[in-house]
Structures are given as structure tokens and as C-alpha cells.
């Protein structure tokens, strides 16, 4: 089974990435405001569209379900740890693709 050290590393790595992303977004927005570059062309970069914001929970739900299915499938399929990571990433990737098609379909419906 996957060790607790892996999950500890995952949590620490995720926290570091989240902190760096938050700081980088803050600095970018701050520099844009300082230099007066905030106009209609830039606003769409920071605004959440209705399609993506309403389906954000669906996206992460699909990803977590995919990873959960991969972990659950380990009970039936004899995989090494490396194979298990591959299956987890495969299911997570399929979930992201499914989310992409859901958002695309949602945006096409709103245009009509």
C-alpha cells in the first residue's frame, strides 16, 4: 500500500505550490495595477467565467472520483507502486478531459 510518507510529501509539496502560486498572482496583479495596464483586455484573465466557476466543483469531483477508482481497482489488479501512480494519473487525466468537454458543451449551450 502507499506509505504515509508519500502523503506527507504530497501535502507539503501541494502547500508549497499553492503558496508560490498565490504570491505570483498577487505580484502580477499588483504590477498590472501599478503600471495602469488594467483594461478590458486584461480583466478577462482574472475573472472567473460562469461556465468554469459553476463547474469547478464538478472538475475536482471527477478528478477525485478517478483517483478513487484507481485506488479501489488496486484491490483487483496486482500493480506495483509505479503502476498504481500511472493508473491514478490516467484516471485523473480522463477526468480532466471529461471536464473539458463538459465546459465546452456548457459554453456552446450559452452561446445559443
C-alpha atoms as a PDB file:
ATOM      1  CA  UNK A   1       0.000   0.000   0.000  1.00  0.00           C
ATOM      2  CA  UNK A   2       1.042   3.604  -0.399  1.00  0.00           C
ATOM      3  CA  UNK A   3       3.005   4.783   2.610  1.00  0.00           C
ATOM      4  CA  UNK A   4       2.157   7.685   4.872  1.00  0.00           C
ATOM      5  CA  UNK A   5       5.452   9.352   3.927  1.00  0.00           C
ATOM      6  CA  UNK A   6       4.130   9.738   0.389  1.00  0.00           C
ATOM      7  CA  UNK A   7       1.024  11.534   1.590  1.00  0.00           C
ATOM      8  CA  UNK A   8       3.103  13.766   3.859  1.00  0.00           C
ATOM      9  CA  UNK A   9       5.323  14.710   0.912  1.00  0.00           C
ATOM     10  CA  UNK A  10       2.247  15.303  -1.247  1.00  0.00           C
ATOM     11  CA  UNK A  11       0.710  17.651   1.318  1.00  0.00           C
ATOM     12  CA  UNK A  12       3.953  19.605   1.801  1.00  0.00           C
ATOM     13  CA  UNK A  13       4.575  19.869  -1.951  1.00  0.00           C
ATOM     14  CA  UNK A  14       0.981  20.963  -2.590  1.00  0.00           C
ATOM     15  CA  UNK A  15       1.203  23.606   0.126  1.00  0.00           C
ATOM     16  CA  UNK A  16       4.441  24.989  -1.326  1.00  0.00           C
ATOM     17  CA  UNK A  17       2.951  25.129  -4.834  1.00  0.00           C
ATOM     18  CA  UNK A  18      -0.195  26.859  -3.545  1.00  0.00           C
ATOM     19  CA  UNK A  19       1.823  29.461  -1.640  1.00  0.00           C
ATOM     20  CA  UNK A  20       4.063  30.197  -4.630  1.00  0.00           C
ATOM     21  CA  UNK A  21       1.060  30.470  -6.972  1.00  0.00           C
ATOM     22  CA  UNK A  22      -0.741  32.844  -4.603  1.00  0.00           C
ATOM     23  CA  UNK A  23       2.319  35.086  -4.263  1.00  0.00           C
ATOM     24  CA  UNK A  24       2.947  35.096  -8.018  1.00  0.00           C
ATOM     25  CA  UNK A  25      -0.691  36.000  -8.776  1.00  0.00           C
ATOM     26  CA  UNK A  26      -0.580  38.802  -6.207  1.00  0.00           C
ATOM     27  CA  UNK A  27       2.635  40.250  -7.642  1.00  0.00           C
ATOM     28  CA  UNK A  28       1.286  40.048 -11.194  1.00  0.00           C
ATOM     29  CA  UNK A  29      -1.956  41.809 -10.307  1.00  0.00           C
ATOM     30  CA  UNK A  30      -0.085  44.404  -8.253  1.00  0.00           C
ATOM     31  CA  UNK A  31       2.320  45.178 -11.126  1.00  0.00           C
ATOM     32  CA  UNK A  32      -0.529  45.469 -13.618  1.00  0.00           C
ATOM     33  CA  UNK A  33      -2.332  47.939 -11.364  1.00  0.00           C
ATOM     34  CA  UNK A  34       0.851  49.954 -10.687  1.00  0.00           C
ATOM     35  CA  UNK A  35       1.579  50.345 -14.387  1.00  0.00           C
ATOM     36  CA  UNK A  36      -2.023  51.183 -15.264  1.00  0.00           C
ATOM     37  CA  UNK A  37      -2.461  48.212 -17.561  1.00  0.00           C
ATOM     38  CA  UNK A  38      -5.855  47.233 -16.215  1.00  0.00           C
ATOM     39  CA  UNK A  39      -8.375  47.466 -19.021  1.00  0.00           C
ATOM     40  CA  UNK A  40     -10.976  45.246 -20.622  1.00  0.00           C
ATOM     41  CA  UNK A  41      -8.296  43.138 -22.324  1.00  0.00           C
ATOM     42  CA  UNK A  42      -6.678  42.188 -19.016  1.00  0.00           C
ATOM     43  CA  UNK A  43      -9.816  41.812 -16.892  1.00  0.00           C
ATOM     44  CA  UNK A  44     -10.820  38.565 -18.579  1.00  0.00           C
ATOM     45  CA  UNK A  45      -7.571  36.942 -17.385  1.00  0.00           C
ATOM     46  CA  UNK A  46      -8.553  37.311 -13.750  1.00  0.00           C
ATOM     47  CA  UNK A  47     -12.307  36.961 -13.957  1.00  0.00           C
ATOM     48  CA  UNK A  48     -13.867  33.553 -13.496  1.00  0.00           C
ATOM     49  CA  UNK A  49     -16.258  32.789 -16.291  1.00  0.00           C
ATOM     50  CA  UNK A  50     -19.650  31.448 -15.355  1.00  0.00           C
ATOM     51  CA  UNK A  51     -19.058  28.110 -17.081  1.00  0.00           C
ATOM     52  CA  UNK A  52     -15.795  27.382 -15.301  1.00  0.00           C
ATOM     53  CA  UNK A  53     -16.832  28.697 -11.895  1.00  0.00           C
ATOM     54  CA  UNK A  54     -20.109  26.779 -11.849  1.00  0.00           C
ATOM     55  CA  UNK A  55     -18.360  23.563 -12.886  1.00  0.00           C
ATOM     56  CA  UNK A  56     -15.243  23.917 -10.694  1.00  0.00           C
ATOM     57  CA  UNK A  57     -16.661  21.556  -8.084  1.00  0.00           C
ATOM     58  CA  UNK A  58     -17.574  19.106 -10.815  1.00  0.00           C
ATOM     59  CA  UNK A  59     -13.980  19.176 -12.102  1.00  0.00           C
ATOM     60  CA  UNK A  60     -12.413  18.312  -8.772  1.00  0.00           C
ATOM     61  CA  UNK A  61     -15.149  15.801  -8.025  1.00  0.00           C
ATOM     62  CA  UNK A  62     -14.391  13.992 -11.283  1.00  0.00           C
ATOM     63  CA  UNK A  63     -10.660  14.022 -10.567  1.00  0.00           C
ATOM     64  CA  UNK A  64     -11.106  12.665  -7.043  1.00  0.00           C
ATOM     65  CA  UNK A  65     -13.523  10.007  -8.274  1.00  0.00           C
ATOM     66  CA  UNK A  66     -10.993   8.986 -10.932  1.00  0.00           C
ATOM     67  CA  UNK A  67      -8.200   8.693  -8.377  1.00  0.00           C
ATOM     68  CA  UNK A  68     -10.514   6.853  -6.002  1.00  0.00           C
ATOM     69  CA  UNK A  69     -11.495   4.381  -8.719  1.00  0.00           C
ATOM     70  CA  UNK A  70      -7.805   3.808  -9.445  1.00  0.00           C
ATOM     71  CA  UNK A  71      -7.083   3.153  -5.769  1.00  0.00           C
ATOM     72  CA  UNK A  72     -10.125   0.908  -5.494  1.00  0.00           C
ATOM     73  CA  UNK A  73      -9.104  -1.017  -8.628  1.00  0.00           C
ATOM     74  CA  UNK A  74      -5.808  -1.883  -6.954  1.00  0.00           C
ATOM     75  CA  UNK A  75      -7.690  -4.455  -4.904  1.00  0.00           C
ATOM     76  CA  UNK A  76      -8.451  -6.448  -8.068  1.00  0.00           C
ATOM     77  CA  UNK A  77      -5.384  -5.724 -10.166  1.00  0.00           C
ATOM     78  CA  UNK A  78      -1.939  -6.605  -8.871  1.00  0.00           C
ATOM     79  CA  UNK A  79       0.100  -3.472  -9.613  1.00  0.00           C
ATOM     80  CA  UNK A  80       3.410  -2.159  -8.424  1.00  0.00           C
ATOM     81  CA  UNK A  81       3.542   1.288  -6.820  1.00  0.00           C
ATOM     82  CA  UNK A  82       4.773   2.784 -10.088  1.00  0.00           C
ATOM     83  CA  UNK A  83       1.946   1.155 -11.996  1.00  0.00           C
ATOM     84  CA  UNK A  84      -0.522   2.448  -9.448  1.00  0.00           C
ATOM     85  CA  UNK A  85       0.681   6.027  -9.949  1.00  0.00           C
ATOM     86  CA  UNK A  86       0.320   5.564 -13.684  1.00  0.00           C
ATOM     87  CA  UNK A  87      -3.260   4.370 -13.312  1.00  0.00           C
ATOM     88  CA  UNK A  88      -4.057   7.243 -10.929  1.00  0.00           C
ATOM     89  CA  UNK A  89      -2.692   9.805 -13.391  1.00  0.00           C
ATOM     90  CA  UNK A  90      -4.527   8.092 -16.239  1.00  0.00           C
ATOM     91  CA  UNK A  91      -7.878   8.301 -14.468  1.00  0.00           C
ATOM     92  CA  UNK A  92      -7.200  11.895 -13.359  1.00  0.00           C
ATOM     93  CA  UNK A  93      -6.348  12.819 -16.966  1.00  0.00           C
ATOM     94  CA  UNK A  94      -9.534  11.213 -18.234  1.00  0.00           C
ATOM     95  CA  UNK A  95     -11.466  13.187 -15.613  1.00  0.00           C
ATOM     96  CA  UNK A  96      -9.875  16.452 -16.794  1.00  0.00           C
ATOM     97  CA  UNK A  97     -10.743  15.607 -20.407  1.00  0.00           C
ATOM     98  CA  UNK A  98     -14.324  14.859 -19.406  1.00  0.00           C
ATOM     99  CA  UNK A  99     -14.440  18.200 -17.590  1.00  0.00           C
ATOM    100  CA  UNK A 100     -13.102  19.976 -20.684  1.00  0.00           C
ATOM    101  CA  UNK A 101     -15.890  18.552 -22.818  1.00  0.00           C
ATOM    102  CA  UNK A 102     -18.486  19.477 -20.178  1.00  0.00           C
ATOM    103  CA  UNK A 103     -17.288  23.105 -20.115  1.00  0.00           C
ATOM    104  CA  UNK A 104     -17.129  23.232 -23.910  1.00  0.00           C
ATOM    105  CA  UNK A 105     -20.683  21.897 -24.145  1.00  0.00           C
ATOM    106  CA  UNK A 106     -21.854  24.354 -21.478  1.00  0.00           C
ATOM    107  CA  UNK A 107     -20.316  27.327 -23.283  1.00  0.00           C
ATOM    108  CA  UNK A 108     -21.855  26.250 -26.616  1.00  0.00           C
ATOM    109  CA  UNK A 109     -25.276  25.998 -24.936  1.00  0.00           C
ATOM    110  CA  UNK A 110     -24.917  29.515 -23.512  1.00  0.00           C
ATOM    111  CA  UNK A 111     -23.999  30.941 -26.930  1.00  0.00           C
ATOM    112  CA  UNK A 112     -27.211  29.566 -28.455  1.00  0.00           C
END
